[in-house]
Amino acid sequence: MPMTHKTMEDFARSCGVSRPTLSKYFDDPTSVKPATRKRIEEALRSSDYQPNLFARNLNRKRTRSIGIVVPTVTDPFYSEMVSRIELRLRDEGYWPIVISSHGSSELEAEATRTILSLKVSGALIAPLGRRSDPRAIEKLTQAIPIVYFDTYLEGDTPFVGNNNVQSMSTIVEYLCRSGDAPVYFDIPHVNHNSRERVESYIDAMRRLGQEPAVFGNIEDYTWEFERIGYEQTEKMLGNGGLPGKTILCANDRLAFGVMAAAFSKGLKVGRKADCDLRVAAHDDHPLSRYTCPALTTMAQDFAAMAGRSVETLLALLDEDGTTVAPKVKLDATLVMRQSA
């Protein structure tokens, strides 16, 4: 039966240490002497005591917590990023607090207010982009260090994300080299990535002496990319066909809808001679390898993006004079699968 302690004072007495020493241990275990740390940790193993971190944090200007805000946690891209960031922050001795804006500018603004009220030390934010309230996020940047990841708002706030120029150039060159030049299926420009990718596609095509061709409804704001991919492809197939035999989609989720619509119309997707259509995309969504056929795509470096984001924020928190790069753009890797 584990020993029961109701207060920190009770537990400190049972450990044979002072309450300030115990508090110091809970802030940073490495800040106390090894022998003292060993004594506390042995006592924790034989006790049911858990410090009330919320109550302790109320008396501080800042806590050992870090806010994480994303547009949605149901998108596997953001789920993967949040998972990696959480684990890295825990390794660094910080407690992550995750809030989703659910694609809503009002909820994103509310998330910034919540983060401030929780007295977090800093925040990692993947902003909505086009629908973000810049005033709400600007207020946050004035109060605590923040780093954008995946996409950003204009300004000097540090950012870690994908190098869309490199990634789109790489996949356009591959598709032109291996078959018909690609036509680009665009999505609503919800953030900087959408615009940067289509612009990079156009530049890459022209550099290769090819005529760029862009289609897709970009006016209706939505994050339901699978649905719009399916609906628009189905409509085009019913009205005479697609504008090309090689479709480069703005992201993998859009490609899932394209491939499903093609299948529903009896078209065969793939790079073999007997196939009707090639489909490629961008991101290396966790499900892209399990489509049928598996999706050719550009793989964003999840591990590097999460790691560099946390490292950049920690550098800002240290305030040791370390220079922080304003924008870090990471190269992606071509993953050739059966769809193109």
Protein backbone atom coordinates (compact mmCIF):
# COMPACT_ATOMS: atom_id res chain seq x y z
CA MET A 1 0.00 0.00 0.00
CA PRO A 2 1.63 3.31 -1.07
CA MET A 3 2.08 6.03 1.56
CA THR A 4 -0.41 8.90 1.36
CA HIS A 5 0.60 12.56 1.55
CA LYS A 6 -1.97 15.31 1.24
CA THR A 7 0.35 18.30 0.88
CA MET A 8 3.81 19.12 -0.44
CA GLU A 9 4.89 19.91 3.12
CA ASP A 10 3.90 16.37 4.22
CA PHE A 11 5.79 14.80 1.37
CA ALA A 12 8.87 17.00 1.90
CA ARG A 13 9.03 15.92 5.56
CA SER A 14 8.80 12.24 4.58
CA CYS A 15 11.68 12.74 2.10
CA GLY A 16 13.80 14.53 4.65
CA VAL A 17 14.14 17.65 2.47
CA SER A 18 12.86 21.19 2.72
CA ARG A 19 9.77 22.30 0.82
CA PRO A 20 11.78 24.79 -1.33
CA THR A 21 14.18 21.96 -2.30
CA LEU A 22 11.26 19.75 -3.26
CA SER A 23 9.71 22.57 -5.27
CA LYS A 24 13.04 23.10 -7.01
CA TYR A 25 13.15 19.38 -7.88
CA PHE A 26 9.70 19.49 -9.48
CA ASP A 27 10.75 22.53 -11.54
CA ASP A 28 13.95 20.85 -12.74
CA PRO A 29 15.19 17.51 -11.31
CA THR A 30 18.75 18.27 -12.41
CA SER A 31 18.84 21.43 -10.27
CA VAL A 32 19.21 19.51 -7.00
CA LYS A 33 22.13 17.36 -5.81
CA PRO A 34 22.18 13.77 -7.15
CA ALA A 35 21.83 12.32 -3.64
CA THR A 36 18.83 14.55 -2.93
CA ARG A 37 17.25 13.69 -6.28
CA LYS A 38 17.68 9.97 -5.55
CA ARG A 39 16.02 10.36 -2.12
CA ILE A 40 13.03 12.21 -3.61
CA GLU A 41 12.58 9.75 -6.46
CA GLU A 42 12.71 6.76 -4.10
CA ALA A 43 10.02 8.43 -1.97
CA LEU A 44 7.87 9.10 -5.05
CA ARG A 45 7.99 5.42 -6.01
CA SER A 46 6.70 4.37 -2.59
CA SER A 47 4.08 7.10 -2.35
CA ASP A 48 0.90 8.13 -4.18
CA TYR A 49 1.86 11.81 -3.98
CA GLN A 50 1.34 13.96 -7.08
CA PRO A 51 2.15 17.70 -6.99
CA ASN A 52 -0.69 20.07 -7.88
CA LEU A 53 1.03 21.65 -10.86
CA PHE A 54 -1.88 23.97 -11.60
CA ALA A 55 -1.89 25.44 -8.11
CA ARG A 56 1.88 25.85 -8.13
CA ASN A 57 1.84 27.54 -11.52
CA LEU A 58 -0.71 30.14 -10.41
CA ASN A 59 1.98 31.82 -8.33
CA ARG A 60 4.47 32.08 -11.18
CA LYS A 61 4.90 34.61 -13.93
CA ARG A 62 5.57 31.77 -16.37
CA THR A 63 5.25 27.98 -16.17
CA ARG A 64 7.12 25.03 -17.65
CA SER A 65 4.22 24.62 -20.11
CA ILE A 66 4.26 25.22 -23.85
CA GLY A 67 1.11 25.91 -25.89
CA ILE A 68 0.56 24.13 -29.21
CA VAL A 69 -2.17 25.41 -31.53
CA VAL A 70 -3.15 23.64 -34.78
CA PRO A 71 -6.06 24.06 -37.24
CA THR A 72 -7.28 20.51 -36.55
CA VAL A 73 -6.12 17.39 -34.75
CA THR A 74 -8.13 15.07 -37.02
CA ASP A 75 -5.80 15.67 -39.98
CA PRO A 76 -3.07 12.98 -39.67
CA PHE A 77 -0.42 15.52 -40.73
CA TYR A 78 -1.11 17.68 -37.69
CA SER A 79 -1.60 14.62 -35.47
CA GLU A 80 1.86 13.42 -36.44
CA MET A 81 3.40 16.86 -35.89
CA VAL A 82 1.71 17.33 -32.50
CA SER A 83 2.82 13.86 -31.37
CA ARG A 84 6.45 14.53 -32.26
CA ILE A 85 6.43 18.02 -30.73
CA GLU A 86 4.81 16.77 -27.51
CA LEU A 87 7.41 14.05 -27.01
CA ARG A 88 10.29 16.41 -27.73
CA LEU A 89 8.97 19.02 -25.29
CA ARG A 90 8.55 16.38 -22.57
CA ASP A 91 12.15 15.29 -23.13
CA GLU A 92 13.18 18.91 -22.60
CA GLY A 93 11.25 19.15 -19.33
CA TYR A 94 8.21 21.08 -20.61
CA TRP A 95 4.54 20.18 -20.43
CA PRO A 96 2.68 20.56 -23.77
CA ILE A 97 -0.85 21.97 -23.89
CA VAL A 98 -2.58 21.26 -27.22
CA ILE A 99 -5.52 23.30 -28.53
CA SER A 100 -7.26 22.88 -31.91
CA SER A 101 -8.91 25.83 -33.64
CA HIS A 102 -11.12 23.43 -35.66
CA GLY A 103 -10.68 25.63 -38.74
CA SER A 104 -12.38 28.56 -37.00
CA SER A 105 -10.83 32.02 -36.70
CA GLU A 106 -12.94 32.65 -33.58
CA LEU A 107 -11.66 29.48 -31.90
CA GLU A 108 -8.08 30.29 -32.93
CA ALA A 109 -8.37 33.71 -31.29
CA GLU A 110 -9.89 32.04 -28.21
CA ALA A 111 -6.95 29.61 -28.15
CA THR A 112 -4.48 32.51 -27.99
CA ARG A 113 -6.35 34.00 -25.04
CA THR A 114 -6.44 30.63 -23.28
CA ILE A 115 -2.71 30.17 -23.76
CA LEU A 116 -2.03 33.57 -22.21
CA SER A 117 -4.30 32.82 -19.26
CA LEU A 118 -2.41 29.57 -18.58
CA LYS A 119 0.87 31.51 -18.27
CA VAL A 120 2.72 29.25 -20.69
CA SER A 121 6.40 29.96 -21.34
CA GLY A 122 5.96 30.01 -25.12
CA ALA A 123 3.90 28.58 -27.97
CA LEU A 124 4.22 26.65 -31.22
CA ILE A 125 1.48 27.63 -33.65
CA ALA A 126 0.32 26.36 -37.02
CA PRO A 127 -2.00 29.27 -37.88
CA LEU A 128 -5.09 28.97 -40.04
CA GLY A 129 -3.50 31.50 -42.37
CA ARG A 130 -6.02 33.28 -44.55
CA ARG A 131 -8.70 33.28 -41.84
CA SER A 132 -6.45 34.00 -38.85
CA ASP A 133 -7.10 37.14 -36.81
CA PRO A 134 -3.65 38.81 -36.98
CA ARG A 135 -4.48 41.09 -34.06
CA ALA A 136 -5.12 38.16 -31.71
CA ILE A 137 -1.87 36.43 -32.65
CA GLU A 138 0.08 39.70 -32.58
CA LYS A 139 -1.04 40.17 -28.97
CA LEU A 140 0.35 36.72 -28.20
CA THR A 141 3.70 37.42 -29.88
CA GLN A 142 4.09 40.56 -27.75
CA ALA A 143 3.55 38.59 -24.54
CA ILE A 144 5.54 35.37 -25.04
CA PRO A 145 8.00 33.81 -27.53
CA ILE A 146 6.22 31.93 -30.31
CA VAL A 147 7.31 29.95 -33.37
CA TYR A 148 5.12 29.19 -36.38
CA PHE A 149 5.31 25.75 -37.97
CA ASP A 150 3.90 24.40 -41.26
CA THR A 151 2.67 27.86 -42.28
CA TYR A 152 3.00 31.43 -41.05
CA LEU A 153 1.57 34.94 -40.91
CA GLU A 154 3.47 37.90 -42.28
CA GLY A 155 6.00 39.46 -39.93
CA ASP A 156 9.23 38.66 -38.13
CA THR A 157 8.02 35.71 -36.04
CA PRO A 158 10.30 32.65 -36.56
CA PHE A 159 8.91 29.91 -38.80
CA VAL A 160 9.82 26.29 -39.58
CA GLY A 161 8.18 24.58 -42.54
CA ASN A 162 8.51 22.94 -45.92
CA ASN A 163 10.57 24.31 -48.82
CA ASN A 164 7.76 24.37 -51.37
CA VAL A 165 9.99 25.66 -54.17
CA GLN A 166 12.33 22.68 -53.82
CA SER A 167 9.60 20.08 -53.35
CA MET A 168 7.40 21.18 -56.25
CA SER A 169 10.40 21.54 -58.55
CA THR A 170 11.52 18.00 -57.69
CA ILE A 171 8.18 16.32 -58.37
CA VAL A 172 7.47 18.34 -61.54
CA GLU A 173 10.87 17.34 -62.95
CA TYR A 174 10.21 13.68 -62.10
CA LEU A 175 6.74 13.66 -63.69
CA CYS A 176 7.96 15.39 -66.87
CA ARG A 177 10.86 12.97 -67.12
CA SER A 178 8.75 9.85 -66.60
CA GLY A 179 5.64 10.63 -68.71
CA ASP A 180 3.18 13.33 -69.71
CA ALA A 181 3.79 16.74 -68.17
CA PRO A 182 1.55 17.27 -65.13
CA VAL A 183 -1.50 19.53 -64.86
CA TYR A 184 -1.97 21.01 -61.40
CA PHE A 185 -5.11 20.45 -59.30
CA ASP A 186 -5.25 23.42 -56.93
CA ILE A 187 -7.10 23.83 -53.63
CA PRO A 188 -8.54 26.86 -51.80
CA HIS A 189 -5.61 28.98 -50.65
CA VAL A 190 -6.17 28.48 -46.94
CA ASN A 191 -2.57 29.42 -46.09
CA HIS A 192 0.84 30.24 -47.58
CA ASN A 193 1.54 26.64 -48.60
CA SER A 194 -1.35 26.60 -51.09
CA ARG A 195 -0.18 29.72 -52.90
CA GLU A 196 3.53 28.85 -52.77
CA ARG A 197 2.96 25.40 -54.26
CA VAL A 198 0.98 26.52 -57.28
CA GLU A 199 3.45 29.33 -57.96
CA SER A 200 6.36 26.90 -57.66
CA TYR A 201 4.63 24.45 -60.04
CA ILE A 202 4.21 27.21 -62.66
CA ASP A 203 7.85 28.29 -62.33
CA ALA A 204 9.13 24.71 -62.58
CA MET A 205 7.06 23.96 -65.68
CA ARG A 206 8.25 27.10 -67.46
CA ARG A 207 11.85 26.36 -66.56
CA LEU A 208 11.46 22.95 -68.23
CA GLY A 209 9.90 24.48 -71.35
CA GLN A 210 6.44 23.14 -70.54
CA GLU A 211 3.14 25.00 -70.52
CA PRO A 212 1.65 25.06 -66.99
CA ALA A 213 -2.02 24.20 -66.61
CA VAL A 214 -3.88 24.84 -63.37
CA PHE A 215 -7.48 23.88 -62.54
CA GLY A 216 -9.67 23.48 -59.47
CA ASN A 217 -12.04 25.70 -57.49
CA ILE A 218 -9.95 27.86 -55.16
CA GLU A 219 -12.70 30.29 -54.13
CA ASP A 220 -14.71 28.22 -51.64
CA TYR A 221 -12.84 28.19 -48.32
CA THR A 222 -12.74 24.65 -46.91
CA TRP A 223 -10.37 22.12 -45.36
CA GLU A 224 -12.40 19.17 -46.73
CA PHE A 225 -9.86 18.37 -49.43
CA GLU A 226 -10.89 14.74 -50.02
CA ARG A 227 -14.46 15.84 -50.69
CA ILE A 228 -13.60 18.61 -53.14
CA GLY A 229 -11.13 16.31 -54.90
CA TYR A 230 -13.80 13.68 -55.38
CA GLU A 231 -16.63 16.02 -56.34
CA GLN A 232 -14.66 18.10 -58.82
CA THR A 233 -13.04 15.07 -60.45
CA GLU A 234 -16.37 13.26 -60.74
CA LYS A 235 -17.93 16.35 -62.34
CA MET A 236 -15.09 16.77 -64.86
CA LEU A 237 -15.14 13.08 -65.80
CA GLY A 238 -18.87 13.39 -66.45
CA ASN A 239 -18.35 16.48 -68.63
CA GLY A 240 -15.72 15.26 -71.06
CA GLY A 241 -12.74 14.31 -68.91
CA LEU A 242 -9.79 15.72 -67.03
CA PRO A 243 -7.45 18.34 -68.55
CA GLY A 244 -4.50 15.93 -68.66
CA LYS A 245 -3.32 12.36 -68.09
CA THR A 246 -0.95 13.26 -65.25
CA ILE A 247 -2.56 15.04 -62.29
CA LEU A 248 -0.36 16.73 -59.70
CA CYS A 249 -2.47 17.48 -56.63
CA ALA A 250 -1.75 20.29 -54.17
CA ASN A 251 -1.74 17.78 -51.30
CA ASP A 252 -2.29 14.08 -50.64
CA ARG A 253 -5.77 14.50 -49.21
CA LEU A 254 -6.94 16.07 -52.46
CA ALA A 255 -5.37 13.15 -54.34
CA PHE A 256 -7.35 10.65 -52.25
CA GLY A 257 -10.56 12.18 -53.59
CA VAL A 258 -9.25 12.25 -57.18
CA MET A 259 -8.28 8.57 -57.06
CA ALA A 260 -11.60 7.54 -55.52
CA ALA A 261 -13.56 9.40 -58.22
CA ALA A 262 -11.40 7.88 -60.97
CA PHE A 263 -12.03 4.41 -59.57
CA SER A 264 -15.77 5.05 -59.41
CA LYS A 265 -15.71 5.80 -63.17
CA GLY A 266 -13.73 2.67 -64.00
CA LEU A 267 -10.42 4.43 -64.65
CA LYS A 268 -7.15 2.75 -63.78
CA VAL A 269 -4.61 4.92 -61.93
CA GLY A 270 -0.91 4.09 -62.17
CA ARG A 271 2.28 4.42 -64.17
CA LYS A 272 2.01 1.24 -66.22
CA ALA A 273 1.21 1.33 -69.94
CA ASP A 274 -2.35 0.03 -69.45
CA CYS A 275 -3.27 2.80 -66.96
CA ASP A 276 -5.58 5.70 -67.83
CA LEU A 277 -4.22 8.28 -65.39
CA ARG A 278 -1.20 9.14 -63.27
CA VAL A 279 -1.76 10.89 -59.92
CA ALA A 280 0.90 12.44 -57.69
CA ALA A 281 0.73 14.82 -54.75
CA HIS A 282 2.54 16.41 -51.82
CA ASP A 283 3.04 15.79 -48.06
CA ASP A 284 3.40 11.99 -47.63
CA HIS A 285 0.25 11.83 -45.54
CA PRO A 286 0.43 8.78 -43.22
CA LEU A 287 -2.25 7.03 -45.33
CA SER A 288 -0.69 7.76 -48.74
CA ARG A 289 1.22 4.47 -48.83
CA TYR A 290 -2.02 2.56 -48.28
CA THR A 291 -4.06 3.95 -51.18
CA CYS A 292 -4.62 1.68 -54.15
CA PRO A 293 -2.32 2.15 -55.90
CA ALA A 294 0.07 3.67 -53.36
CA LEU A 295 0.47 7.41 -53.91
CA THR A 296 3.61 8.99 -55.34
CA THR A 297 4.29 12.11 -53.30
CA MET A 298 6.80 14.52 -51.78
CA ALA A 299 7.53 13.55 -48.18
CA GLN A 300 7.78 16.44 -45.76
CA ASP A 301 10.38 15.86 -43.04
CA PHE A 302 8.10 15.52 -40.01
CA ALA A 303 10.95 14.75 -37.61
CA ALA A 304 13.09 17.72 -38.68
CA MET A 305 10.12 20.11 -38.73
CA ALA A 306 9.07 19.15 -35.20
CA GLY A 307 12.63 19.13 -33.90
CA ARG A 308 13.67 22.46 -35.41
CA SER A 309 10.42 24.09 -34.23
CA VAL A 310 11.08 23.06 -30.62
CA GLU A 311 14.78 23.96 -30.84
CA THR A 312 13.94 27.41 -32.17
CA LEU A 313 11.45 28.07 -29.38
CA LEU A 314 13.87 26.84 -26.71
CA ALA A 315 16.55 29.15 -28.10
CA LEU A 316 14.12 32.07 -27.73
CA LEU A 317 13.32 31.02 -24.15
CA ASP A 318 16.99 30.72 -23.18
CA GLU A 319 17.66 34.36 -24.08
CA ASP A 320 21.38 33.58 -24.23
CA GLY A 321 22.08 35.65 -27.31
CA THR A 322 21.63 32.75 -29.71
CA THR A 323 20.69 33.98 -33.18
CA VAL A 324 17.40 32.47 -34.38
CA ALA A 325 16.81 32.13 -38.12
CA PRO A 326 13.62 34.01 -39.07
CA LYS A 327 12.46 31.33 -41.51
CA VAL A 328 13.69 27.75 -41.81
CA LYS A 329 12.48 25.88 -44.90
CA LEU A 330 13.23 22.16 -45.01
CA ASP A 331 13.69 20.13 -48.19
CA ALA A 332 11.25 17.30 -48.92
CA THR A 333 12.01 13.87 -50.41
CA LEU A 334 10.45 12.31 -53.51
CA VAL A 335 8.68 9.04 -52.71
CA MET A 336 7.99 7.09 -55.89
CA ARG A 337 5.10 4.65 -55.57
CA GLN A 338 2.72 3.01 -58.04
CA SER A 339 0.33 5.90 -58.76
CA ALA A 340 2.74 7.89 -60.96
